[in-house]
Amino acid sequence: MVTELIEGVWWFELRGVNAYLVEDGDSLTLVDAGTPLSRRAFVRKLGGLGHSFFDIDRVLITHYDVDHVGALNRVNAPVYAGATDAPLVAGDRLPSPSTRKGLSQRLATPFCPAASGPVRSIGDGDTVGSFTAYHTPGHTPGHVSYVSESLSVAFVGDLVRESDGQLEPSPWLLSHDTEQVRASIERLAEELPAVDVLAMGHGVPFKQNGHERLRELADRL
């Protein structure tokens, strides 16, 4: 399914994980890249909008996980990722098996294609087009959220997930550090501008009052 969340922002539902396509000025931006098993569906859904992977000008990766980097070898465009996760996205370093999260990432490495385009590290407060990067560690050490006030959208990856209309923090089993998850949610909720769309990696994105929904979650933690 492809859904337009707000003008110029499309939600791709791909085998249990979300990816997004954004018209950011003159640049077509992909946010996250699905699983390796979703590539054909991805091509079909892009075609339905009159696009292909060749049209994408840049990719914003929220974090390194097999269900978020699956099509990066099909996109020959610059890829942006948080400083800690960027070497993993580029295939320059393997995840460390010394932590629960690192071990799961290491086991999935054979299924994670390295990016075809150049991988660029992005830090807290850096900008790409209309987007500002917020370092929101916890789910992974290098997890990044991308916020465009002008487009009224925040892409928060796996920092949170939607379930039955409610936001939940990234769960313990899937997170590098749940205390960092909580701190990142509270910080982002405090600093997030009044955007409408809150788009996460799993679950149904919120199309209105997204900043308020994140604030509500922060208040419950």
N, C-alpha and C. Protein backbone atom coordinates (compact mmCIF):
# COMPACT_ATOMS: atom_id res chain seq x y z
N MET A 1 0.84 -1.19 0.00
CA MET A 1 0.00 0.00 0.00
C MET A 1 0.88 1.25 0.00
N VAL A 2 0.49 2.27 -0.77
CA VAL A 2 1.16 3.56 -0.79
C VAL A 2 0.13 4.62 -0.40
N THR A 3 0.44 5.41 0.60
CA THR A 3 -0.48 6.42 1.11
C THR A 3 0.21 7.77 1.16
N GLU A 4 -0.43 8.80 0.64
CA GLU A 4 0.10 10.16 0.76
C GLU A 4 -0.31 10.70 2.13
N LEU A 5 0.67 10.96 2.98
CA LEU A 5 0.40 11.41 4.34
C LEU A 5 0.12 12.90 4.40
N ILE A 6 0.84 13.63 3.59
CA ILE A 6 0.71 15.07 3.48
C ILE A 6 1.28 15.40 2.11
N GLU A 7 1.02 16.55 1.60
CA GLU A 7 1.44 16.84 0.23
C GLU A 7 2.94 16.57 0.04
N GLY A 8 3.25 15.68 -0.90
CA GLY A 8 4.64 15.40 -1.23
C GLY A 8 5.33 14.39 -0.34
N VAL A 9 4.58 13.73 0.58
CA VAL A 9 5.15 12.73 1.48
C VAL A 9 4.33 11.45 1.39
N TRP A 10 4.97 10.36 0.95
CA TRP A 10 4.27 9.08 0.77
C TRP A 10 4.80 8.02 1.71
N TRP A 11 3.89 7.22 2.22
CA TRP A 11 4.18 6.11 3.11
C TRP A 11 4.10 4.80 2.33
N PHE A 12 5.19 4.02 2.37
CA PHE A 12 5.25 2.71 1.75
C PHE A 12 5.20 1.64 2.85
N GLU A 13 4.20 0.80 2.80
CA GLU A 13 4.10 -0.31 3.75
C GLU A 13 4.75 -1.53 3.09
N LEU A 14 5.84 -2.02 3.69
CA LEU A 14 6.67 -3.05 3.05
C LEU A 14 6.91 -4.22 4.00
N ARG A 15 6.06 -5.22 3.96
CA ARG A 15 6.28 -6.45 4.73
C ARG A 15 6.56 -6.15 6.20
N GLY A 16 5.71 -5.36 6.82
CA GLY A 16 5.82 -5.10 8.24
C GLY A 16 6.74 -3.97 8.63
N VAL A 17 7.33 -3.29 7.66
CA VAL A 17 8.18 -2.14 7.96
C VAL A 17 7.82 -1.01 7.01
N ASN A 18 8.08 0.20 7.44
CA ASN A 18 7.72 1.37 6.64
C ASN A 18 8.94 2.02 6.00
N ALA A 19 8.72 2.55 4.80
CA ALA A 19 9.68 3.44 4.15
C ALA A 19 8.88 4.64 3.65
N TYR A 20 9.56 5.72 3.33
CA TYR A 20 8.87 6.94 2.95
C TYR A 20 9.58 7.61 1.78
N LEU A 21 8.80 8.25 0.93
CA LEU A 21 9.32 9.01 -0.20
C LEU A 21 8.86 10.45 -0.05
N VAL A 22 9.80 11.37 -0.22
CA VAL A 22 9.51 12.78 0.07
C VAL A 22 9.99 13.65 -1.09
N GLU A 23 9.13 14.53 -1.54
CA GLU A 23 9.53 15.58 -2.46
C GLU A 23 10.00 16.77 -1.62
N ASP A 24 11.31 16.88 -1.49
CA ASP A 24 11.91 17.93 -0.66
C ASP A 24 12.55 18.95 -1.58
N GLY A 25 11.76 19.95 -1.95
CA GLY A 25 12.24 20.90 -2.94
C GLY A 25 12.41 20.19 -4.28
N ASP A 26 13.61 20.31 -4.85
CA ASP A 26 13.90 19.65 -6.12
C ASP A 26 14.48 18.26 -5.95
N SER A 27 14.59 17.79 -4.71
CA SER A 27 15.23 16.51 -4.43
C SER A 27 14.22 15.47 -3.98
N LEU A 28 14.28 14.30 -4.60
CA LEU A 28 13.43 13.18 -4.21
C LEU A 28 14.20 12.39 -3.15
N THR A 29 13.63 12.32 -1.97
CA THR A 29 14.32 11.76 -0.82
C THR A 29 13.63 10.48 -0.35
N LEU A 30 14.41 9.43 -0.18
CA LEU A 30 13.91 8.18 0.39
C LEU A 30 14.32 8.12 1.84
N VAL A 31 13.38 7.77 2.71
CA VAL A 31 13.68 7.61 4.13
C VAL A 31 13.53 6.13 4.47
N ASP A 32 14.66 5.49 4.76
CA ASP A 32 14.77 4.07 5.02
C ASP A 32 14.45 3.25 3.76
N ALA A 33 14.89 1.98 3.77
CA ALA A 33 14.92 1.24 2.50
C ALA A 33 14.38 -0.18 2.59
N GLY A 34 13.53 -0.46 3.58
CA GLY A 34 12.84 -1.74 3.62
C GLY A 34 13.75 -2.94 3.82
N THR A 35 13.15 -4.13 3.67
CA THR A 35 13.88 -5.38 3.83
C THR A 35 14.37 -5.89 2.47
N PRO A 36 15.34 -6.80 2.45
CA PRO A 36 15.74 -7.40 1.18
C PRO A 36 14.58 -8.08 0.46
N LEU A 37 13.63 -8.63 1.21
CA LEU A 37 12.50 -9.34 0.61
C LEU A 37 11.46 -8.40 0.01
N SER A 38 11.56 -7.11 0.32
CA SER A 38 10.55 -6.17 -0.16
C SER A 38 10.98 -5.40 -1.40
N ARG A 39 12.12 -5.76 -1.99
CA ARG A 39 12.64 -4.96 -3.11
C ARG A 39 11.69 -4.93 -4.29
N ARG A 40 11.14 -6.07 -4.68
CA ARG A 40 10.24 -6.10 -5.83
C ARG A 40 8.99 -5.27 -5.57
N ALA A 41 8.44 -5.40 -4.39
CA ALA A 41 7.26 -4.61 -4.03
C ALA A 41 7.62 -3.13 -4.03
N PHE A 42 8.81 -2.80 -3.58
CA PHE A 42 9.28 -1.43 -3.56
C PHE A 42 9.31 -0.85 -4.98
N VAL A 43 9.88 -1.62 -5.90
CA VAL A 43 9.96 -1.18 -7.30
C VAL A 43 8.56 -0.95 -7.85
N ARG A 44 7.65 -1.85 -7.56
CA ARG A 44 6.29 -1.74 -8.06
C ARG A 44 5.58 -0.51 -7.49
N LYS A 45 5.75 -0.27 -6.22
CA LYS A 45 5.10 0.86 -5.57
C LYS A 45 5.68 2.20 -6.05
N LEU A 46 6.99 2.24 -6.22
CA LEU A 46 7.61 3.43 -6.78
C LEU A 46 7.08 3.69 -8.19
N GLY A 47 6.97 2.62 -8.99
CA GLY A 47 6.45 2.76 -10.34
C GLY A 47 5.04 3.31 -10.38
N GLY A 48 4.25 2.95 -9.37
CA GLY A 48 2.89 3.47 -9.30
C GLY A 48 2.85 4.97 -9.12
N LEU A 49 3.93 5.54 -8.61
CA LEU A 49 4.04 7.00 -8.45
C LEU A 49 4.81 7.64 -9.60
N GLY A 50 5.17 6.80 -10.58
CA GLY A 50 5.92 7.32 -11.73
C GLY A 50 7.40 7.47 -11.48
N HIS A 51 7.93 6.74 -10.50
CA HIS A 51 9.35 6.84 -10.15
C HIS A 51 10.00 5.48 -10.17
N SER A 52 11.33 5.50 -10.09
CA SER A 52 12.13 4.29 -9.92
C SER A 52 13.25 4.62 -8.95
N PHE A 53 14.04 3.61 -8.59
CA PHE A 53 15.18 3.86 -7.71
C PHE A 53 16.16 4.85 -8.35
N PHE A 54 16.21 4.90 -9.67
CA PHE A 54 17.14 5.80 -10.35
C PHE A 54 16.78 7.27 -10.15
N ASP A 55 15.53 7.55 -9.78
CA ASP A 55 15.09 8.94 -9.59
C ASP A 55 15.45 9.49 -8.23
N ILE A 56 15.82 8.63 -7.30
CA ILE A 56 16.05 9.07 -5.93
C ILE A 56 17.37 9.85 -5.84
N ASP A 57 17.30 11.02 -5.23
CA ASP A 57 18.47 11.90 -5.14
C ASP A 57 19.27 11.69 -3.86
N ARG A 58 18.64 11.22 -2.81
CA ARG A 58 19.35 10.94 -1.56
C ARG A 58 18.50 10.02 -0.69
N VAL A 59 19.19 9.36 0.24
CA VAL A 59 18.52 8.45 1.17
C VAL A 59 18.89 8.86 2.59
N LEU A 60 17.88 8.96 3.44
CA LEU A 60 18.09 9.21 4.86
C LEU A 60 17.81 7.91 5.61
N ILE A 61 18.82 7.36 6.25
CA ILE A 61 18.67 6.12 7.01
C ILE A 61 18.58 6.46 8.50
N THR A 62 17.51 6.02 9.13
CA THR A 62 17.35 6.30 10.56
C THR A 62 18.30 5.46 11.40
N HIS A 63 18.59 4.22 10.94
CA HIS A 63 19.49 3.35 11.69
C HIS A 63 19.81 2.10 10.88
N TYR A 64 20.85 1.41 11.31
CA TYR A 64 21.26 0.19 10.64
C TYR A 64 20.52 -1.01 11.24
N ASP A 65 19.63 -1.59 10.46
CA ASP A 65 18.96 -2.84 10.76
C ASP A 65 18.53 -3.43 9.42
N VAL A 66 18.44 -4.75 9.36
CA VAL A 66 18.16 -5.42 8.10
C VAL A 66 16.87 -4.96 7.45
N ASP A 67 15.88 -4.56 8.25
CA ASP A 67 14.60 -4.14 7.68
C ASP A 67 14.57 -2.66 7.31
N HIS A 68 15.71 -1.99 7.38
CA HIS A 68 15.76 -0.57 7.01
C HIS A 68 16.80 -0.27 5.93
N VAL A 69 17.61 -1.27 5.58
CA VAL A 69 18.68 -1.04 4.60
C VAL A 69 18.60 -2.00 3.41
N GLY A 70 17.48 -2.71 3.28
CA GLY A 70 17.39 -3.81 2.33
C GLY A 70 17.53 -3.47 0.87
N ALA A 71 17.23 -2.24 0.48
CA ALA A 71 17.29 -1.87 -0.94
C ALA A 71 18.40 -0.87 -1.24
N LEU A 72 19.33 -0.68 -0.32
CA LEU A 72 20.35 0.34 -0.52
C LEU A 72 21.29 0.02 -1.68
N ASN A 73 21.40 -1.25 -2.04
CA ASN A 73 22.26 -1.58 -3.17
C ASN A 73 21.58 -1.30 -4.51
N ARG A 74 20.32 -0.87 -4.48
CA ARG A 74 19.60 -0.54 -5.71
C ARG A 74 19.58 0.97 -5.97
N VAL A 75 20.04 1.75 -5.01
CA VAL A 75 19.94 3.20 -5.11
C VAL A 75 21.35 3.80 -5.22
N ASN A 76 21.63 4.40 -6.34
CA ASN A 76 22.96 5.01 -6.55
C ASN A 76 22.89 6.50 -6.23
N ALA A 77 22.71 6.78 -4.96
CA ALA A 77 22.58 8.17 -4.49
C ALA A 77 23.23 8.27 -3.13
N PRO A 78 23.59 9.47 -2.69
CA PRO A 78 24.19 9.62 -1.36
C PRO A 78 23.25 9.11 -0.28
N VAL A 79 23.84 8.43 0.70
CA VAL A 79 23.09 7.86 1.83
C VAL A 79 23.60 8.52 3.10
N TYR A 80 22.68 9.03 3.92
CA TYR A 80 23.02 9.69 5.17
C TYR A 80 22.62 8.80 6.34
N ALA A 81 23.52 8.65 7.31
CA ALA A 81 23.25 7.83 8.48
C ALA A 81 24.02 8.40 9.66
N GLY A 82 23.55 8.10 10.87
CA GLY A 82 24.22 8.57 12.07
C GLY A 82 25.65 8.08 12.15
N ALA A 83 26.50 8.83 12.85
CA ALA A 83 27.94 8.58 12.84
C ALA A 83 28.31 7.16 13.26
N THR A 84 27.63 6.62 14.26
CA THR A 84 27.96 5.28 14.74
C THR A 84 27.48 4.20 13.79
N ASP A 85 26.34 4.43 13.14
CA ASP A 85 25.77 3.43 12.25
C ASP A 85 26.29 3.53 10.82
N ALA A 86 26.85 4.67 10.44
CA ALA A 86 27.26 4.88 9.05
C ALA A 86 28.27 3.84 8.55
N PRO A 87 29.30 3.46 9.34
CA PRO A 87 30.23 2.44 8.84
C PRO A 87 29.56 1.09 8.60
N LEU A 88 28.51 0.79 9.36
CA LEU A 88 27.77 -0.46 9.16
C LEU A 88 26.97 -0.38 7.87
N VAL A 89 26.34 0.77 7.63
CA VAL A 89 25.56 0.97 6.41
C VAL A 89 26.46 0.87 5.18
N ALA A 90 27.67 1.38 5.29
CA ALA A 90 28.60 1.36 4.17
C ALA A 90 29.25 0.00 3.96
N GLY A 91 29.12 -0.89 4.94
CA GLY A 91 29.78 -2.19 4.86
C GLY A 91 31.24 -2.13 5.23
N ASP A 92 31.67 -1.04 5.89
CA ASP A 92 33.07 -0.88 6.28
C ASP A 92 33.40 -1.54 7.62
N ARG A 93 32.37 -1.84 8.39
CA ARG A 93 32.58 -2.44 9.71
C ARG A 93 31.43 -3.38 10.01
N LEU A 94 31.71 -4.45 10.74
CA LEU A 94 30.68 -5.39 11.16
C LEU A 94 30.15 -5.00 12.54
N PRO A 95 28.87 -5.26 12.81
CA PRO A 95 28.35 -5.00 14.15
C PRO A 95 29.09 -5.85 15.19
N SER A 96 29.28 -5.30 16.36
CA SER A 96 29.93 -6.04 17.44
C SER A 96 28.95 -7.03 18.06
N PRO A 97 29.34 -8.29 18.22
CA PRO A 97 28.45 -9.27 18.83
C PRO A 97 28.46 -9.23 20.36
N SER A 98 29.09 -8.22 20.94
CA SER A 98 29.25 -8.19 22.39
C SER A 98 28.02 -7.69 23.13
N THR A 99 27.03 -7.16 22.39
CA THR A 99 25.77 -6.72 23.00
C THR A 99 24.61 -7.47 22.36
N ARG A 100 23.47 -7.46 23.03
CA ARG A 100 22.28 -8.15 22.52
C ARG A 100 21.90 -7.60 21.15
N LYS A 101 21.85 -6.29 21.01
CA LYS A 101 21.49 -5.67 19.73
C LYS A 101 22.56 -5.95 18.69
N GLY A 102 23.81 -5.81 19.06
CA GLY A 102 24.90 -6.05 18.12
C GLY A 102 24.92 -7.47 17.60
N LEU A 103 24.60 -8.42 18.48
CA LEU A 103 24.59 -9.82 18.06
C LEU A 103 23.50 -10.06 17.02
N SER A 104 22.31 -9.50 17.25
CA SER A 104 21.23 -9.69 16.28
C SER A 104 21.58 -9.04 14.95
N GLN A 105 22.22 -7.88 14.99
CA GLN A 105 22.65 -7.21 13.75
C GLN A 105 23.73 -8.04 13.04
N ARG A 106 24.64 -8.60 13.82
CA ARG A 106 25.74 -9.39 13.23
C ARG A 106 25.17 -10.61 12.52
N LEU A 107 24.19 -11.27 13.12
CA LEU A 107 23.59 -12.45 12.52
C LEU A 107 22.87 -12.12 11.22
N ALA A 108 22.35 -10.88 11.11
CA ALA A 108 21.61 -10.47 9.92
C ALA A 108 22.51 -9.87 8.84
N THR A 109 23.79 -9.70 9.14
CA THR A 109 24.71 -9.05 8.20
C THR A 109 24.71 -9.66 6.80
N PRO A 110 24.68 -10.99 6.65
CA PRO A 110 24.68 -11.55 5.29
C PRO A 110 23.51 -11.10 4.43
N PHE A 111 22.44 -10.63 5.07
CA PHE A 111 21.26 -10.21 4.33
C PHE A 111 21.18 -8.68 4.16
N CYS A 112 22.20 -7.97 4.65
CA CYS A 112 22.21 -6.51 4.60
C CYS A 112 23.17 -6.03 3.51
N PRO A 113 22.65 -5.63 2.37
CA PRO A 113 23.55 -5.17 1.31
C PRO A 113 24.18 -3.82 1.67
N ALA A 114 25.44 -3.67 1.34
CA ALA A 114 26.08 -2.37 1.53
C ALA A 114 25.50 -1.37 0.54
N ALA A 115 25.49 -0.12 0.91
CA ALA A 115 24.95 0.92 0.04
C ALA A 115 25.77 1.04 -1.23
N SER A 116 25.10 1.24 -2.36
CA SER A 116 25.79 1.46 -3.63
C SER A 116 26.32 2.89 -3.72
N GLY A 117 25.56 3.84 -3.18
CA GLY A 117 25.98 5.23 -3.20
C GLY A 117 26.91 5.55 -2.04
N PRO A 118 27.53 6.71 -2.06
CA PRO A 118 28.43 7.11 -0.96
C PRO A 118 27.65 7.30 0.34
N VAL A 119 28.23 6.84 1.42
CA VAL A 119 27.59 6.97 2.74
C VAL A 119 28.23 8.15 3.47
N ARG A 120 27.37 9.04 3.92
CA ARG A 120 27.83 10.24 4.61
C ARG A 120 27.32 10.25 6.04
N SER A 121 28.23 10.45 6.95
CA SER A 121 27.88 10.51 8.37
C SER A 121 27.19 11.82 8.68
N ILE A 122 26.14 11.73 9.48
CA ILE A 122 25.38 12.93 9.84
C ILE A 122 25.29 13.02 11.36
N GLY A 123 25.46 14.22 11.88
CA GLY A 123 25.46 14.41 13.32
C GLY A 123 24.27 15.22 13.81
N ASP A 124 24.14 15.28 15.10
CA ASP A 124 23.04 16.01 15.72
C ASP A 124 23.05 17.47 15.30
N GLY A 125 21.93 17.94 14.75
CA GLY A 125 21.81 19.32 14.32
C GLY A 125 22.21 19.58 12.89
N ASP A 126 22.81 18.58 12.23
CA ASP A 126 23.15 18.74 10.82
C ASP A 126 21.88 18.81 9.97
N THR A 127 21.98 19.43 8.82
CA THR A 127 20.82 19.55 7.94
C THR A 127 21.11 18.91 6.58
N VAL A 128 20.05 18.33 6.01
CA VAL A 128 20.07 17.79 4.65
C VAL A 128 18.79 18.26 4.00
N GLY A 129 18.89 19.11 2.99
CA GLY A 129 17.69 19.71 2.43
C GLY A 129 16.94 20.46 3.52
N SER A 130 15.65 20.18 3.64
CA SER A 130 14.85 20.86 4.67
C SER A 130 14.87 20.11 6.00
N PHE A 131 15.61 19.00 6.06
CA PHE A 131 15.60 18.15 7.26
C PHE A 131 16.72 18.49 8.22
N THR A 132 16.41 18.46 9.50
CA THR A 132 17.38 18.56 10.58
C THR A 132 17.49 17.20 11.24
N ALA A 133 18.72 16.75 11.47
CA ALA A 133 18.96 15.46 12.11
C ALA A 133 19.00 15.63 13.62
N TYR A 134 18.33 14.72 14.31
CA TYR A 134 18.36 14.65 15.77
C TYR A 134 18.95 13.30 16.15
N HIS A 135 20.06 13.30 16.86
CA HIS A 135 20.63 12.04 17.33
C HIS A 135 19.73 11.49 18.43
N THR A 136 19.11 10.35 18.16
CA THR A 136 18.15 9.76 19.10
C THR A 136 18.55 8.32 19.40
N PRO A 137 19.68 8.13 20.09
CA PRO A 137 20.18 6.78 20.33
C PRO A 137 19.30 5.99 21.28
N GLY A 138 19.51 4.69 21.25
CA GLY A 138 18.76 3.80 22.13
C GLY A 138 18.41 2.52 21.41
N HIS A 139 17.62 2.64 20.35
CA HIS A 139 17.33 1.45 19.54
C HIS A 139 18.63 0.93 18.94
N THR A 140 19.44 1.83 18.37
CA THR A 140 20.84 1.58 18.02
C THR A 140 21.63 2.79 18.51
N PRO A 141 22.94 2.63 18.67
CA PRO A 141 23.74 3.78 19.14
C PRO A 141 23.72 4.96 18.19
N GLY A 142 23.59 4.71 16.90
CA GLY A 142 23.63 5.80 15.92
C GLY A 142 22.29 6.20 15.37
N HIS A 143 21.22 5.80 16.03
CA HIS A 143 19.86 6.11 15.54
C HIS A 143 19.67 7.62 15.39
N VAL A 144 19.06 8.01 14.26
CA VAL A 144 18.81 9.42 13.95
C VAL A 144 17.36 9.60 13.56
N SER A 145 16.74 10.68 14.01
CA SER A 145 15.42 11.09 13.55
C SER A 145 15.60 12.31 12.66
N TYR A 146 14.74 12.42 11.64
CA TYR A 146 14.84 13.51 10.67
C TYR A 146 13.57 14.33 10.70
N VAL A 147 13.72 15.64 10.89
CA VAL A 147 12.57 16.52 11.07
C VAL A 147 12.61 17.65 10.05
N SER A 148 11.50 17.84 9.33
CA SER A 148 11.36 18.97 8.42
C SER A 148 10.18 19.81 8.89
N GLU A 149 10.50 20.96 9.46
CA GLU A 149 9.43 21.85 9.93
C GLU A 149 8.63 22.39 8.75
N SER A 150 9.31 22.69 7.64
CA SER A 150 8.61 23.26 6.48
C SER A 150 7.64 22.26 5.85
N LEU A 151 7.98 20.97 5.88
CA LEU A 151 7.09 19.94 5.36
C LEU A 151 6.14 19.40 6.42
N SER A 152 6.36 19.80 7.67
CA SER A 152 5.53 19.39 8.81
C SER A 152 5.55 17.88 9.02
N VAL A 153 6.79 17.31 9.02
CA VAL A 153 6.91 15.86 9.16
C VAL A 153 8.16 15.52 9.98
N ALA A 154 8.04 14.48 10.79
CA ALA A 154 9.16 13.94 11.55
C ALA A 154 9.24 12.44 11.30
N PHE A 155 10.40 11.97 10.86
CA PHE A 155 10.64 10.55 10.67
C PHE A 155 11.47 10.05 11.85
N VAL A 156 10.90 9.19 12.65
CA VAL A 156 11.52 8.81 13.93
C VAL A 156 11.98 7.36 13.96
N GLY A 157 11.98 6.68 12.81
CA GLY A 157 12.53 5.34 12.73
C GLY A 157 11.94 4.40 13.76
N ASP A 158 12.83 3.68 14.47
CA ASP A 158 12.39 2.71 15.48
C ASP A 158 12.56 3.23 16.90
N LEU A 159 12.69 4.55 17.04
CA LEU A 159 12.69 5.12 18.38
C LEU A 159 11.38 4.78 19.08
N VAL A 160 10.29 4.83 18.33
CA VAL A 160 8.97 4.47 18.83
C VAL A 160 8.28 3.62 17.77
N ARG A 161 7.18 2.98 18.17
CA ARG A 161 6.34 2.25 17.23
C ARG A 161 4.89 2.48 17.60
N GLU A 162 4.01 2.35 16.58
CA GLU A 162 2.57 2.52 16.81
C GLU A 162 1.92 1.16 16.95
N SER A 163 1.01 1.03 17.91
CA SER A 163 0.25 -0.20 18.11
C SER A 163 -1.13 0.16 18.61
N ASP A 164 -2.16 -0.21 17.83
CA ASP A 164 -3.56 0.07 18.20
C ASP A 164 -3.79 1.54 18.52
N GLY A 165 -3.17 2.40 17.72
CA GLY A 165 -3.39 3.83 17.86
C GLY A 165 -2.57 4.50 18.94
N GLN A 166 -1.71 3.74 19.61
CA GLN A 166 -0.88 4.29 20.67
C GLN A 166 0.59 4.18 20.31
N LEU A 167 1.36 5.13 20.80
CA LEU A 167 2.81 5.08 20.63
C LEU A 167 3.43 4.29 21.78
N GLU A 168 4.45 3.49 21.44
CA GLU A 168 5.21 2.75 22.43
C GLU A 168 6.70 2.97 22.16
N PRO A 169 7.52 2.98 23.21
CA PRO A 169 8.96 3.08 22.97
C PRO A 169 9.51 1.79 22.37
N SER A 170 10.64 1.88 21.74
CA SER A 170 11.31 0.69 21.23
C SER A 170 11.47 -0.32 22.36
N PRO A 171 11.04 -1.57 22.17
CA PRO A 171 11.05 -2.54 23.26
C PRO A 171 12.45 -3.01 23.64
N TRP A 172 12.56 -3.54 24.85
CA TRP A 172 13.85 -3.99 25.39
C TRP A 172 14.52 -5.00 24.48
N LEU A 173 13.76 -5.97 23.99
CA LEU A 173 14.33 -7.06 23.21
C LEU A 173 15.02 -6.57 21.94
N LEU A 174 14.53 -5.46 21.37
CA LEU A 174 15.03 -4.97 20.10
C LEU A 174 15.95 -3.76 20.24
N SER A 175 16.22 -3.34 21.46
CA SER A 175 16.95 -2.09 21.68
C SER A 175 18.35 -2.33 22.20
N HIS A 176 19.23 -1.42 21.85
CA HIS A 176 20.59 -1.43 22.40
C HIS A 176 20.58 -0.99 23.85
N ASP A 177 19.78 0.05 24.17
CA ASP A 177 19.77 0.62 25.52
C ASP A 177 18.42 1.29 25.75
N THR A 178 17.57 0.70 26.58
CA THR A 178 16.22 1.24 26.78
C THR A 178 16.23 2.55 27.56
N GLU A 179 17.24 2.76 28.41
CA GLU A 179 17.33 4.04 29.10
C GLU A 179 17.62 5.15 28.11
N GLN A 180 18.47 4.87 27.12
CA GLN A 180 18.73 5.84 26.07
C GLN A 180 17.48 6.06 25.22
N VAL A 181 16.72 5.02 24.97
CA VAL A 181 15.46 5.18 24.23
C VAL A 181 14.57 6.19 24.94
N ARG A 182 14.40 6.00 26.23
CA ARG A 182 13.55 6.90 27.01
C ARG A 182 14.08 8.34 26.97
N ALA A 183 15.38 8.50 27.18
CA ALA A 183 15.97 9.84 27.17
C ALA A 183 15.81 10.50 25.80
N SER A 184 15.95 9.72 24.74
CA SER A 184 15.82 10.27 23.39
C SER A 184 14.39 10.69 23.10
N ILE A 185 13.43 9.90 23.56
CA ILE A 185 12.02 10.26 23.38
C ILE A 185 11.72 11.57 24.10
N GLU A 186 12.18 11.67 25.33
CA GLU A 186 11.91 12.87 26.13
C GLU A 186 12.57 14.10 25.49
N ARG A 187 13.80 13.94 25.03
CA ARG A 187 14.50 15.06 24.42
C ARG A 187 13.83 15.49 23.12
N LEU A 188 13.49 14.51 22.25
CA LEU A 188 12.88 14.85 20.98
C LEU A 188 11.50 15.47 21.19
N ALA A 189 10.74 14.94 22.15
CA ALA A 189 9.42 15.50 22.43
C ALA A 189 9.53 16.96 22.89
N GLU A 190 10.58 17.26 23.61
CA GLU A 190 10.79 18.62 24.11
C GLU A 190 11.18 19.58 22.99
N GLU A 191 11.99 19.09 22.03
CA GLU A 191 12.55 19.97 21.01
C GLU A 191 11.81 19.92 19.68
N LEU A 192 10.93 18.95 19.51
CA LEU A 192 10.26 18.79 18.22
C LEU A 192 9.35 19.97 17.91
N PRO A 193 9.49 20.58 16.73
CA PRO A 193 8.55 21.65 16.35
C PRO A 193 7.16 21.07 16.13
N ALA A 194 6.20 21.94 15.94
CA ALA A 194 4.79 21.52 15.86
C ALA A 194 4.48 20.93 14.48
N VAL A 195 5.02 19.71 14.25
CA VAL A 195 4.76 19.04 12.98
C VAL A 195 3.49 18.22 13.07
N ASP A 196 2.84 18.04 11.94
CA ASP A 196 1.64 17.21 11.90
C ASP A 196 1.96 15.73 11.81
N VAL A 197 2.82 15.36 10.84
CA VAL A 197 3.06 13.94 10.56
C VAL A 197 4.19 13.42 11.45
N LEU A 198 3.89 12.33 12.16
CA LEU A 198 4.90 11.59 12.90
C LEU A 198 4.96 10.21 12.28
N ALA A 199 6.08 9.91 11.62
CA ALA A 199 6.20 8.70 10.81
C ALA A 199 7.27 7.79 11.40
N MET A 200 6.86 6.60 11.82
CA MET A 200 7.76 5.66 12.46
C MET A 200 8.04 4.46 11.56
N GLY A 201 8.99 3.64 11.98
CA GLY A 201 9.38 2.50 11.18
C GLY A 201 8.38 1.37 11.17
N HIS A 202 7.59 1.26 12.23
CA HIS A 202 6.63 0.17 12.35
C HIS A 202 5.31 0.72 12.90
N GLY A 203 4.23 0.34 12.27
CA GLY A 203 2.92 0.83 12.67
C GLY A 203 2.40 1.89 11.72
N VAL A 204 1.27 2.45 12.07
CA VAL A 204 0.59 3.42 11.21
C VAL A 204 1.02 4.83 11.60
N PRO A 205 1.56 5.60 10.66
CA PRO A 205 1.98 6.98 10.98
C PRO A 205 0.79 7.85 11.38
N PHE A 206 1.08 8.85 12.19
CA PHE A 206 0.06 9.83 12.56
C PHE A 206 0.11 10.98 11.55
N LYS A 207 -1.05 11.35 11.05
CA LYS A 207 -1.13 12.38 10.02
C LYS A 207 -1.41 13.76 10.60
N GLN A 208 -1.84 13.82 11.83
CA GLN A 208 -2.14 15.11 12.46
C GLN A 208 -1.61 15.12 13.89
N ASN A 209 -1.16 16.28 14.33
CA ASN A 209 -0.73 16.49 15.72
C ASN A 209 0.33 15.49 16.16
N GLY A 210 1.25 15.18 15.26
CA GLY A 210 2.28 14.21 15.58
C GLY A 210 3.13 14.61 16.77
N HIS A 211 3.47 15.89 16.85
CA HIS A 211 4.30 16.35 17.97
C HIS A 211 3.59 16.16 19.30
N GLU A 212 2.26 16.32 19.30
CA GLU A 212 1.50 16.13 20.54
C GLU A 212 1.47 14.66 20.95
N ARG A 213 1.40 13.78 19.97
CA ARG A 213 1.38 12.35 20.28
C ARG A 213 2.71 11.91 20.91
N LEU A 214 3.81 12.46 20.41
CA LEU A 214 5.10 12.12 21.00
C LEU A 214 5.23 12.71 22.40
N ARG A 215 4.70 13.90 22.60
CA ARG A 215 4.72 14.52 23.92
C ARG A 215 3.90 13.70 24.92
N GLU A 216 2.77 13.17 24.47
CA GLU A 216 1.94 12.33 25.33
C GLU A 216 2.70 11.08 25.78
N LEU A 217 3.45 10.47 24.83
CA LEU A 217 4.24 9.30 25.20
C LEU A 217 5.32 9.68 26.20
N ALA A 218 6.01 10.77 25.96
CA ALA A 218 7.06 11.20 26.89
C ALA A 218 6.50 11.42 28.28
N ASP A 219 5.29 11.96 28.38
CA ASP A 219 4.69 12.21 29.68
C ASP A 219 4.31 10.91 30.39
N ARG A 220 4.09 9.83 29.62
CA ARG A 220 3.73 8.54 30.24
C ARG A 220 4.94 7.76 30.72
N LEU A 221 6.11 8.08 30.22
CA LEU A 221 7.31 7.30 30.57
C LEU A 221 7.78 7.59 32.00
